[in-house]
Amino acid sequence: MESNNQKQFNAVVVVEGRDDTKRLKQFFPGIETIETNGSEVSDQTLAEIKKLAKTREIIIFTDPDYNGERIRRLVTNAAPNAKQAFITRKEGEPTKRGNSLGVEHASKEALVRALGDLHEIQAVESDITKEKYDDLGLAVSPEARLLREKVGIKLGIGYGNSKQFLKRLKMFGITYDELKRAVEDVK
């Protein structure tokens, strides 16, 4: 079975720390990871990722929190063609009190789903405008935060604040019609 996992994961997965690597290796023994060692991603680590991205596929798989999103942006800048994997905040909730949100807490099902539903930055221009985005209630309505979270789950692109979420929708080439359908489906 390990040889299947190695074939399935020709990519190198960028994670935040060794607990994430341990969790992934529990279910995917052949998986290779690069650890950023938390939110203080070193220039050396970014240089390694950039170099590796020239010959290998890179998957960015960070925690669904502020630091995870910060790391995702830094690594995406170093490797713009990297694919993106996301778990929801609920999937990353720790079982013990006091632990932080993270990939290391996700179930096998959540990890399989996230690594099977990768997103790529699209060269295609999204037709979502700020006005259309606002009209769907994703920016300034009282329930905007919750709506973005539900839509992010539906589209498999994670959560972001209003500005970051709009940027992510455009980055992944999601069309207005896709977004509108997702909003209607979660309401």
Protein backbone atom coordinates (compact mmCIF):
# COMPACT_ATOMS: atom_id res chain seq x y z
CA MET A 1 0.00 0.00 0.00
CA GLU A 2 2.89 2.34 0.67
CA SER A 3 3.93 2.26 -2.98
CA ASN A 4 0.42 3.39 -3.94
CA ASN A 5 0.69 6.34 -1.56
CA GLN A 6 4.06 7.28 -3.00
CA LYS A 7 2.63 7.22 -6.51
CA GLN A 8 -0.48 9.11 -5.44
CA PHE A 9 1.61 11.80 -3.77
CA ASN A 10 4.32 12.68 -6.21
CA ALA A 11 3.89 16.16 -4.79
CA VAL A 12 5.65 17.60 -1.77
CA VAL A 13 3.20 18.91 0.82
CA VAL A 14 4.08 22.10 2.68
CA VAL A 15 2.81 21.94 6.27
CA GLU A 16 3.40 24.04 9.37
CA GLY A 17 5.09 21.55 11.67
CA ARG A 18 6.11 18.04 12.58
CA ASP A 19 2.72 17.18 14.13
CA ASP A 20 1.12 17.86 10.72
CA THR A 21 3.71 15.60 9.07
CA LYS A 22 3.06 12.84 11.64
CA ARG A 23 -0.69 13.04 11.06
CA LEU A 24 -0.37 12.87 7.27
CA LYS A 25 2.09 9.94 7.48
CA GLN A 26 -0.42 8.02 9.62
CA PHE A 27 -2.70 7.75 6.61
CA PHE A 28 -0.30 8.35 3.71
CA PRO A 29 2.99 6.64 4.62
CA GLY A 30 4.74 7.63 1.37
CA ILE A 31 3.93 11.33 1.62
CA GLU A 32 6.79 13.85 1.61
CA THR A 33 6.48 17.13 3.48
CA ILE A 34 8.36 20.36 4.05
CA GLU A 35 7.71 21.95 7.43
CA THR A 36 7.68 25.71 7.75
CA ASN A 37 8.20 25.44 11.52
CA GLY A 38 5.27 27.69 12.30
CA SER A 39 4.50 31.21 11.22
CA GLU A 40 8.10 32.44 11.12
CA VAL A 41 8.88 30.92 7.74
CA SER A 42 12.59 31.33 7.10
CA ASP A 43 14.02 32.70 3.87
CA GLN A 44 15.94 29.43 3.59
CA THR A 45 12.72 27.38 3.72
CA LEU A 46 11.07 29.62 1.11
CA ALA A 47 14.15 29.28 -1.12
CA GLU A 48 14.00 25.46 -0.77
CA ILE A 49 10.32 25.45 -1.72
CA LYS A 50 10.97 27.76 -4.68
CA LYS A 51 13.78 25.50 -5.94
CA LEU A 52 11.75 22.34 -5.40
CA ALA A 53 8.76 23.83 -7.27
CA LYS A 54 10.86 23.84 -10.46
CA THR A 55 10.95 20.03 -10.51
CA ARG A 56 8.14 18.81 -8.24
CA GLU A 57 4.50 19.59 -7.65
CA ILE A 58 3.95 21.54 -4.42
CA ILE A 59 0.77 21.35 -2.31
CA ILE A 60 0.25 23.97 0.38
CA PHE A 61 -1.69 22.53 3.31
CA THR A 62 -1.72 24.90 6.28
CA ASP A 63 -3.98 25.31 9.30
CA PRO A 64 -7.33 27.09 8.86
CA ASP A 65 -6.34 30.05 11.05
CA TYR A 66 -4.67 33.44 10.73
CA ASN A 67 -1.10 32.10 10.89
CA GLY A 68 -1.93 29.33 8.44
CA GLU A 69 -3.26 31.86 5.96
CA ARG A 70 -0.17 34.03 6.43
CA ILE A 71 2.10 31.05 5.73
CA ARG A 72 -0.04 30.12 2.71
CA ARG A 73 0.47 33.62 1.23
CA LEU A 74 4.24 33.51 1.80
CA VAL A 75 4.62 30.06 0.24
CA THR A 76 2.31 30.95 -2.66
CA ASN A 77 4.53 33.95 -3.40
CA ALA A 78 7.56 31.63 -3.48
CA ALA A 79 5.79 28.94 -5.53
CA PRO A 80 2.90 30.55 -7.46
CA ASN A 81 2.01 27.29 -9.24
CA ALA A 82 1.54 25.40 -5.98
CA LYS A 83 -1.76 23.65 -5.50
CA GLN A 84 -3.82 24.48 -2.44
CA ALA A 85 -5.46 22.06 0.02
CA PHE A 86 -7.89 23.23 2.67
CA ILE A 87 -9.63 21.82 5.72
CA THR A 88 -12.46 23.63 7.45
CA ARG A 89 -12.10 25.17 10.88
CA LYS A 90 -14.42 22.48 12.24
CA GLU A 91 -12.28 19.71 10.71
CA GLY A 92 -9.20 21.21 12.36
CA GLU A 93 -10.66 21.53 15.86
CA PRO A 94 -8.55 19.87 18.56
CA THR A 95 -9.97 17.12 20.73
CA LYS A 96 -8.16 18.40 23.83
CA ARG A 97 -8.86 21.80 25.33
CA GLY A 98 -6.06 24.31 24.99
CA ASN A 99 -4.69 22.95 21.71
CA SER A 100 -4.84 25.16 18.64
CA LEU A 101 -6.69 24.56 15.39
CA GLY A 102 -4.74 22.51 12.91
CA VAL A 103 -4.15 19.90 10.24
CA GLU A 104 -2.77 17.59 12.95
CA HIS A 105 -6.30 17.25 14.40
CA ALA A 106 -8.12 16.46 11.15
CA SER A 107 -9.70 13.07 10.57
CA LYS A 108 -8.56 10.71 7.84
CA GLU A 109 -11.71 11.56 5.87
CA ALA A 110 -10.99 15.30 6.07
CA LEU A 111 -7.37 14.79 4.98
CA VAL A 112 -8.35 12.54 2.07
CA ARG A 113 -10.99 15.06 0.96
CA ALA A 114 -8.62 18.02 1.22
CA LEU A 115 -5.80 16.32 -0.68
CA GLY A 116 -8.24 15.04 -3.29
CA ASP A 117 -9.85 18.44 -3.86
CA LEU A 118 -6.87 20.62 -4.75
CA HIS A 119 -7.21 24.14 -6.07
CA GLU A 120 -4.89 25.90 -8.47
CA ILE A 121 -4.38 29.56 -9.16
CA GLN A 122 -6.10 30.20 -12.46
CA ALA A 123 -4.90 32.36 -15.30
CA VAL A 124 -8.56 32.84 -16.24
CA GLU A 125 -9.94 36.17 -15.13
CA SER A 126 -12.81 35.87 -12.67
CA ASP A 127 -15.94 37.87 -13.47
CA ILE A 128 -16.69 38.57 -9.80
CA THR A 129 -16.71 42.29 -9.12
CA LYS A 130 -16.69 43.93 -5.70
CA GLU A 131 -20.27 45.10 -6.32
CA LYS A 132 -21.51 41.57 -7.17
CA TYR A 133 -19.65 40.20 -4.16
CA ASP A 134 -21.25 42.82 -1.89
CA ASP A 135 -24.72 42.16 -3.39
CA LEU A 136 -24.44 38.49 -2.41
CA GLY A 137 -23.98 39.58 1.22
CA LEU A 138 -20.42 38.34 1.55
CA ALA A 139 -18.87 41.63 2.65
CA VAL A 140 -20.96 43.95 4.76
CA SER A 141 -24.06 42.12 5.98
CA PRO A 142 -24.45 41.06 9.63
CA GLU A 143 -24.14 37.40 8.63
CA ALA A 144 -21.30 37.92 6.12
CA ARG A 145 -18.64 36.11 8.18
CA LEU A 146 -20.75 32.98 8.61
CA LEU A 147 -21.83 33.09 4.97
CA ARG A 148 -18.18 33.30 3.79
CA GLU A 149 -17.35 30.35 6.01
CA LYS A 150 -20.20 28.24 4.58
CA VAL A 151 -19.42 29.25 0.98
CA GLY A 152 -15.73 28.52 1.56
CA ILE A 153 -16.67 25.02 2.72
CA LYS A 154 -19.03 24.52 -0.23
CA LEU A 155 -16.37 25.62 -2.74
CA GLY A 156 -13.54 23.90 -0.85
CA ILE A 157 -11.39 27.03 -0.65
CA GLY A 158 -11.32 27.70 3.07
CA TYR A 159 -12.31 30.79 5.01
CA GLY A 160 -10.98 34.31 4.71
CA ASN A 161 -11.90 37.77 5.86
CA SER A 162 -13.91 39.77 3.33
CA LYS A 163 -10.95 41.14 1.38
CA GLN A 164 -8.96 37.87 1.41
CA PHE A 165 -11.99 35.77 0.47
CA LEU A 166 -12.74 37.93 -2.58
CA LYS A 167 -9.08 37.71 -3.57
CA ARG A 168 -9.13 33.92 -3.18
CA LEU A 169 -12.29 33.59 -5.31
CA LYS A 170 -10.59 35.54 -8.09
CA MET A 171 -7.27 33.71 -7.66
CA PHE A 172 -8.94 30.33 -8.20
CA GLY A 173 -10.94 31.59 -11.18
CA ILE A 174 -14.32 31.02 -9.58
CA THR A 175 -17.06 32.60 -11.70
CA TYR A 176 -19.89 34.76 -10.45
CA ASP A 177 -22.40 32.05 -11.42
CA GLU A 178 -20.49 29.44 -9.38
CA LEU A 179 -20.33 31.82 -6.43
CA LYS A 180 -24.00 32.73 -6.68
CA ARG A 181 -24.98 29.03 -6.79
CA ALA A 182 -22.81 28.30 -3.74
CA VAL A 183 -24.40 31.20 -1.80
CA GLU A 184 -27.90 29.98 -2.72
CA ASP A 185 -27.02 26.40 -1.75
CA VAL A 186 -25.79 27.32 1.75
CA LYS A 187 -28.60 29.74 2.61
